[in-house]
Amino acid sequence: MPVPTTAATLMAAQICWTRQTVFVAVRREMVDGRNPDEVSREVLVLLGGIEEPLSEKVLNYAVRSLP
């Protein structure tokens, strides 16, 4: 099994951190009984703030081409 490169490890860590941050925010708000529409809009704002410090490799990872 190949040893992950530093870039791959960094990319994986950034993806995991983003996922965890979103899941924690959604879970906390839904447990508090918030409206799902409001929570989803707020999480989109959160993702906008998370996007800025991420590396280009993460931002371009698995980008889909639209037909």
PDB file of N, CA and C in Angstrom:
ATOM      1  N   MET A   1       0.836  -1.176   0.000  1.00  0.00           N
ATOM      2  CA  MET A   1       0.000   0.000   0.000  1.00  0.00           C
ATOM      3  C   MET A   1       0.885   1.244   0.000  1.00  0.00           C
ATOM      4  N   PRO A   2       0.634   2.174  -0.940  1.00  0.00           N
ATOM      5  CA  PRO A   2       1.494   3.361  -0.997  1.00  0.00           C
ATOM      6  C   PRO A   2       1.276   4.287   0.196  1.00  0.00           C
ATOM      7  N   VAL A   3       2.332   4.959   0.581  1.00  0.00           N
ATOM      8  CA  VAL A   3       2.255   5.928   1.668  1.00  0.00           C
ATOM      9  C   VAL A   3       1.672   7.226   1.106  1.00  0.00           C
ATOM     10  N   PRO A   4       0.653   7.793   1.762  1.00  0.00           N
ATOM     11  CA  PRO A   4       0.066   9.031   1.249  1.00  0.00           C
ATOM     12  C   PRO A   4       1.082  10.169   1.237  1.00  0.00           C
ATOM     13  N   THR A   5       0.998  11.004   0.229  1.00  0.00           N
ATOM     14  CA  THR A   5       1.876  12.171   0.165  1.00  0.00           C
ATOM     15  C   THR A   5       1.380  13.231   1.129  1.00  0.00           C
ATOM     16  N   THR A   6       2.218  14.194   1.383  1.00  0.00           N
ATOM     17  CA  THR A   6       1.837  15.277   2.274  1.00  0.00           C
ATOM     18  C   THR A   6       0.641  16.038   1.711  1.00  0.00           C
ATOM     19  N   ALA A   7       0.636  16.264   0.399  1.00  0.00           N
ATOM     20  CA  ALA A   7      -0.481  16.986  -0.219  1.00  0.00           C
ATOM     21  C   ALA A   7      -1.780  16.195  -0.084  1.00  0.00           C
ATOM     22  N   ALA A   8      -1.716  14.888  -0.300  1.00  0.00           N
ATOM     23  CA  ALA A   8      -2.916  14.055  -0.183  1.00  0.00           C
ATOM     24  C   ALA A   8      -3.419  14.035   1.259  1.00  0.00           C
ATOM     25  N   THR A   9      -2.510  13.981   2.203  1.00  0.00           N
ATOM     26  CA  THR A   9      -2.890  13.993   3.612  1.00  0.00           C
ATOM     27  C   THR A   9      -3.537  15.324   3.979  1.00  0.00           C
ATOM     28  N   LEU A  10      -2.965  16.418   3.507  1.00  0.00           N
ATOM     29  CA  LEU A  10      -3.531  17.739   3.772  1.00  0.00           C
ATOM     30  C   LEU A  10      -4.916  17.857   3.149  1.00  0.00           C
ATOM     31  N   MET A  11      -5.071  17.388   1.927  1.00  0.00           N
ATOM     32  CA  MET A  11      -6.350  17.452   1.245  1.00  0.00           C
ATOM     33  C   MET A  11      -7.403  16.642   2.005  1.00  0.00           C
ATOM     34  N   ALA A  12      -7.044  15.434   2.431  1.00  0.00           N
ATOM     35  CA  ALA A  12      -7.973  14.587   3.189  1.00  0.00           C
ATOM     36  C   ALA A  12      -8.359  15.241   4.507  1.00  0.00           C
ATOM     37  N   ALA A  13      -7.407  15.848   5.172  1.00  0.00           N
ATOM     38  CA  ALA A  13      -7.690  16.507   6.451  1.00  0.00           C
ATOM     39  C   ALA A  13      -8.632  17.686   6.255  1.00  0.00           C
ATOM     40  N   GLN A  14      -8.436  18.457   5.192  1.00  0.00           N
ATOM     41  CA  GLN A  14      -9.306  19.597   4.932  1.00  0.00           C
ATOM     42  C   GLN A  14     -10.732  19.146   4.606  1.00  0.00           C
ATOM     43  N   ILE A  15     -10.860  18.080   3.823  1.00  0.00           N
ATOM     44  CA  ILE A  15     -12.186  17.549   3.494  1.00  0.00           C
ATOM     45  C   ILE A  15     -12.874  17.041   4.761  1.00  0.00           C
ATOM     46  N   CYS A  16     -12.154  16.304   5.587  1.00  0.00           N
ATOM     47  CA  CYS A  16     -12.737  15.785   6.843  1.00  0.00           C
ATOM     48  C   CYS A  16     -13.145  16.916   7.770  1.00  0.00           C
ATOM     49  N   TRP A  17     -12.320  17.933   7.892  1.00  0.00           N
ATOM     50  CA  TRP A  17     -12.630  19.066   8.758  1.00  0.00           C
ATOM     51  C   TRP A  17     -13.886  19.782   8.267  1.00  0.00           C
ATOM     52  N   THR A  18     -13.991  19.982   6.956  1.00  0.00           N
ATOM     53  CA  THR A  18     -15.167  20.646   6.390  1.00  0.00           C
ATOM     54  C   THR A  18     -16.424  19.836   6.667  1.00  0.00           C
ATOM     55  N   ARG A  19     -16.362  18.537   6.421  1.00  0.00           N
ATOM     56  CA  ARG A  19     -17.514  17.661   6.647  1.00  0.00           C
ATOM     57  C   ARG A  19     -17.940  17.703   8.113  1.00  0.00           C
ATOM     58  N   GLN A  20     -16.981  17.578   9.011  1.00  0.00           N
ATOM     59  CA  GLN A  20     -17.282  17.567  10.442  1.00  0.00           C
ATOM     60  C   GLN A  20     -17.898  18.891  10.888  1.00  0.00           C
ATOM     61  N   THR A  21     -17.367  19.987  10.399  1.00  0.00           N
ATOM     62  CA  THR A  21     -17.879  21.301  10.756  1.00  0.00           C
ATOM     63  C   THR A  21     -19.333  21.457  10.327  1.00  0.00           C
ATOM     64  N   VAL A  22     -19.647  21.027   9.105  1.00  0.00           N
ATOM     65  CA  VAL A  22     -21.017  21.121   8.595  1.00  0.00           C
ATOM     66  C   VAL A  22     -21.947  20.213   9.390  1.00  0.00           C
ATOM     67  N   PHE A  23     -21.544  18.979   9.622  1.00  0.00           N
ATOM     68  CA  PHE A  23     -22.404  18.043  10.343  1.00  0.00           C
ATOM     69  C   PHE A  23     -22.688  18.508  11.760  1.00  0.00           C
ATOM     70  N   VAL A  24     -21.690  19.034  12.437  1.00  0.00           N
ATOM     71  CA  VAL A  24     -21.888  19.522  13.803  1.00  0.00           C
ATOM     72  C   VAL A  24     -22.862  20.701  13.811  1.00  0.00           C
ATOM     73  N   ALA A  25     -22.686  21.620  12.863  1.00  0.00           N
ATOM     74  CA  ALA A  25     -23.575  22.787  12.801  1.00  0.00           C
ATOM     75  C   ALA A  25     -25.015  22.365  12.526  1.00  0.00           C
ATOM     76  N   VAL A  26     -25.210  21.465  11.575  1.00  0.00           N
ATOM     77  CA  VAL A  26     -26.560  21.016  11.233  1.00  0.00           C
ATOM     78  C   VAL A  26     -27.179  20.275  12.415  1.00  0.00           C
ATOM     79  N   ARG A  27     -26.430  19.366  12.997  1.00  0.00           N
ATOM     80  CA  ARG A  27     -26.961  18.585  14.127  1.00  0.00           C
ATOM     81  C   ARG A  27     -27.372  19.484  15.278  1.00  0.00           C
ATOM     82  N   ARG A  28     -26.511  20.429  15.623  1.00  0.00           N
ATOM     83  CA  ARG A  28     -26.797  21.334  16.745  1.00  0.00           C
ATOM     84  C   ARG A  28     -28.087  22.113  16.495  1.00  0.00           C
ATOM     85  N   GLU A  29     -28.229  22.661  15.305  1.00  0.00           N
ATOM     86  CA  GLU A  29     -29.412  23.473  14.995  1.00  0.00           C
ATOM     87  C   GLU A  29     -30.681  22.625  14.904  1.00  0.00           C
ATOM     88  N   MET A  30     -30.595  21.435  14.358  1.00  0.00           N
ATOM     89  CA  MET A  30     -31.776  20.585  14.234  1.00  0.00           C
ATOM     90  C   MET A  30     -32.219  20.074  15.599  1.00  0.00           C
ATOM     91  N   VAL A  31     -31.279  19.760  16.478  1.00  0.00           N
ATOM     92  CA  VAL A  31     -31.626  19.330  17.840  1.00  0.00           C
ATOM     93  C   VAL A  31     -32.328  20.459  18.581  1.00  0.00           C
ATOM     94  N   ASP A  32     -31.941  21.697  18.262  1.00  0.00           N
ATOM     95  CA  ASP A  32     -32.595  22.858  18.877  1.00  0.00           C
ATOM     96  C   ASP A  32     -33.974  23.135  18.290  1.00  0.00           C
ATOM     97  N   GLY A  33     -34.390  22.328  17.295  1.00  0.00           N
ATOM     98  CA  GLY A  33     -35.723  22.472  16.727  1.00  0.00           C
ATOM     99  C   GLY A  33     -35.851  23.543  15.657  1.00  0.00           C
ATOM    100  N   ARG A  34     -34.736  23.933  15.065  1.00  0.00           N
ATOM    101  CA  ARG A  34     -34.774  24.978  14.038  1.00  0.00           C
ATOM    102  C   ARG A  34     -35.421  24.484  12.755  1.00  0.00           C
ATOM    103  N   ASN A  35     -35.903  25.411  11.961  1.00  0.00           N
ATOM    104  CA  ASN A  35     -36.492  25.128  10.658  1.00  0.00           C
ATOM    105  C   ASN A  35     -35.385  24.670   9.696  1.00  0.00           C
ATOM    106  N   PRO A  36     -35.558  23.506   9.035  1.00  0.00           N
ATOM    107  CA  PRO A  36     -34.525  23.001   8.123  1.00  0.00           C
ATOM    108  C   PRO A  36     -34.168  23.978   7.000  1.00  0.00           C
ATOM    109  N   ASP A  37     -35.144  24.741   6.500  1.00  0.00           N
ATOM    110  CA  ASP A  37     -34.854  25.716   5.442  1.00  0.00           C
ATOM    111  C   ASP A  37     -33.888  26.791   5.934  1.00  0.00           C
ATOM    112  N   GLU A  38     -34.103  27.268   7.149  1.00  0.00           N
ATOM    113  CA  GLU A  38     -33.221  28.284   7.725  1.00  0.00           C
ATOM    114  C   GLU A  38     -31.827  27.715   7.977  1.00  0.00           C
ATOM    115  N   VAL A  39     -31.790  26.500   8.507  1.00  0.00           N
ATOM    116  CA  VAL A  39     -30.507  25.859   8.809  1.00  0.00           C
ATOM    117  C   VAL A  39     -29.709  25.665   7.527  1.00  0.00           C
ATOM    118  N   SER A  40     -30.363  25.206   6.469  1.00  0.00           N
ATOM    119  CA  SER A  40     -29.637  24.969   5.223  1.00  0.00           C
ATOM    120  C   SER A  40     -29.063  26.268   4.662  1.00  0.00           C
ATOM    121  N   ARG A  41     -29.817  27.357   4.753  1.00  0.00           N
ATOM    122  CA  ARG A  41     -29.294  28.648   4.272  1.00  0.00           C
ATOM    123  C   ARG A  41     -28.097  29.102   5.106  1.00  0.00           C
ATOM    124  N   GLU A  42     -28.185  28.917   6.402  1.00  0.00           N
ATOM    125  CA  GLU A  42     -27.079  29.316   7.270  1.00  0.00           C
ATOM    126  C   GLU A  42     -25.839  28.450   7.032  1.00  0.00           C
ATOM    127  N   VAL A  43     -26.048  27.173   6.759  1.00  0.00           N
ATOM    128  CA  VAL A  43     -24.908  26.289   6.500  1.00  0.00           C
ATOM    129  C   VAL A  43     -24.251  26.651   5.170  1.00  0.00           C
ATOM    130  N   LEU A  44     -25.013  27.100   4.191  1.00  0.00           N
ATOM    131  CA  LEU A  44     -24.420  27.567   2.938  1.00  0.00           C
ATOM    132  C   LEU A  44     -23.514  28.772   3.183  1.00  0.00           C
ATOM    133  N   VAL A  45     -23.924  29.661   4.080  1.00  0.00           N
ATOM    134  CA  VAL A  45     -23.084  30.801   4.443  1.00  0.00           C
ATOM    135  C   VAL A  45     -21.818  30.293   5.145  1.00  0.00           C
ATOM    136  N   LEU A  46     -21.987  29.323   6.037  1.00  0.00           N
ATOM    137  CA  LEU A  46     -20.845  28.719   6.724  1.00  0.00           C
ATOM    138  C   LEU A  46     -19.868  28.115   5.716  1.00  0.00           C
ATOM    139  N   LEU A  47     -20.391  27.390   4.732  1.00  0.00           N
ATOM    140  CA  LEU A  47     -19.530  26.797   3.708  1.00  0.00           C
ATOM    141  C   LEU A  47     -18.802  27.863   2.891  1.00  0.00           C
ATOM    142  N   GLY A  48     -19.465  28.979   2.662  1.00  0.00           N
ATOM    143  CA  GLY A  48     -18.808  30.083   1.965  1.00  0.00           C
ATOM    144  C   GLY A  48     -17.598  30.580   2.735  1.00  0.00           C
ATOM    145  N   GLY A  49     -17.728  30.648   4.045  1.00  0.00           N
ATOM    146  CA  GLY A  49     -16.607  31.067   4.879  1.00  0.00           C
ATOM    147  C   GLY A  49     -15.508  30.018   4.956  1.00  0.00           C
ATOM    148  N   ILE A  50     -15.891  28.758   4.878  1.00  0.00           N
ATOM    149  CA  ILE A  50     -14.914  27.668   4.927  1.00  0.00           C
ATOM    150  C   ILE A  50     -14.142  27.589   3.616  1.00  0.00           C
ATOM    151  N   GLU A  51     -14.797  27.920   2.530  1.00  0.00           N
ATOM    152  CA  GLU A  51     -14.190  27.778   1.205  1.00  0.00           C
ATOM    153  C   GLU A  51     -12.923  28.604   1.044  1.00  0.00           C
ATOM    154  N   GLU A  52     -12.918  29.802   1.601  1.00  0.00           N
ATOM    155  CA  GLU A  52     -11.804  30.721   1.393  1.00  0.00           C
ATOM    156  C   GLU A  52     -10.438  30.161   1.799  1.00  0.00           C
ATOM    157  N   PRO A  53     -10.282  29.590   2.988  1.00  0.00           N
ATOM    158  CA  PRO A  53      -8.944  29.120   3.364  1.00  0.00           C
ATOM    159  C   PRO A  53      -8.540  27.751   2.792  1.00  0.00           C
ATOM    160  N   LEU A  54      -9.454  27.057   2.125  1.00  0.00           N
ATOM    161  CA  LEU A  54      -9.109  25.740   1.598  1.00  0.00           C
ATOM    162  C   LEU A  54      -8.141  25.852   0.425  1.00  0.00           C
ATOM    163  N   SER A  55      -7.333  24.832   0.253  1.00  0.00           N
ATOM    164  CA  SER A  55      -6.377  24.831  -0.850  1.00  0.00           C
ATOM    165  C   SER A  55      -7.089  24.608  -2.181  1.00  0.00           C
ATOM    166  N   GLU A  56      -6.436  25.007  -3.268  1.00  0.00           N
ATOM    167  CA  GLU A  56      -6.997  24.822  -4.612  1.00  0.00           C
ATOM    168  C   GLU A  56      -7.238  23.344  -4.917  1.00  0.00           C
ATOM    169  N   LYS A  57      -6.366  22.464  -4.425  1.00  0.00           N
ATOM    170  CA  LYS A  57      -6.551  21.033  -4.683  1.00  0.00           C
ATOM    171  C   LYS A  57      -7.862  20.541  -4.088  1.00  0.00           C
ATOM    172  N   VAL A  58      -8.197  21.018  -2.905  1.00  0.00           N
ATOM    173  CA  VAL A  58      -9.459  20.607  -2.279  1.00  0.00           C
ATOM    174  C   VAL A  58     -10.638  21.187  -3.054  1.00  0.00           C
ATOM    175  N   LEU A  59     -10.530  22.457  -3.407  1.00  0.00           N
ATOM    176  CA  LEU A  59     -11.640  23.111  -4.100  1.00  0.00           C
ATOM    177  C   LEU A  59     -11.895  22.506  -5.477  1.00  0.00           C
ATOM    178  N   ASN A  60     -10.869  21.955  -6.118  1.00  0.00           N
ATOM    179  CA  ASN A  60     -11.031  21.366  -7.444  1.00  0.00           C
ATOM    180  C   ASN A  60     -11.179  19.849  -7.412  1.00  0.00           C
ATOM    181  N   TYR A  61     -11.193  19.281  -6.232  1.00  0.00           N
ATOM    182  CA  TYR A  61     -11.323  17.828  -6.084  1.00  0.00           C
ATOM    183  C   TYR A  61     -12.717  17.388  -6.520  1.00  0.00           C
ATOM    184  N   ALA A  62     -12.776  16.457  -7.437  1.00  0.00           N
ATOM    185  CA  ALA A  62     -14.028  15.850  -7.903  1.00  0.00           C
ATOM    186  C   ALA A  62     -15.029  16.868  -8.440  1.00  0.00           C
ATOM    187  N   VAL A  63     -14.520  17.861  -9.147  1.00  0.00           N
ATOM    188  CA  VAL A  63     -15.403  18.831  -9.793  1.00  0.00           C
ATOM    189  C   VAL A  63     -16.107  18.144 -10.947  1.00  0.00           C
ATOM    190  N   ARG A  64     -17.408  18.312 -11.016  1.00  0.00           N
ATOM    191  CA  ARG A  64     -18.180  17.689 -12.074  1.00  0.00           C
ATOM    192  C   ARG A  64     -18.386  18.663 -13.223  1.00  0.00           C
ATOM    193  N   SER A  65     -18.287  18.145 -14.422  1.00  0.00           N
ATOM    194  CA  SER A  65     -18.608  18.941 -15.595  1.00  0.00           C
ATOM    195  C   SER A  65     -20.089  18.847 -15.861  1.00  0.00           C
ATOM    196  N   LEU A  66     -20.694  19.984 -16.108  1.00  0.00           N
ATOM    197  CA  LEU A  66     -22.123  19.988 -16.421  1.00  0.00           C
ATOM    198  C   LEU A  66     -22.298  19.735 -17.918  1.00  0.00           C
ATOM    199  N   PRO A  67     -23.311  18.926 -18.277  1.00  0.00           N
ATOM    200  CA  PRO A  67     -23.497  18.636 -19.708  1.00  0.00           C
ATOM    201  C   PRO A  67     -23.945  19.848 -20.496  1.00  0.00           C
TER     202      PRO A  67
END
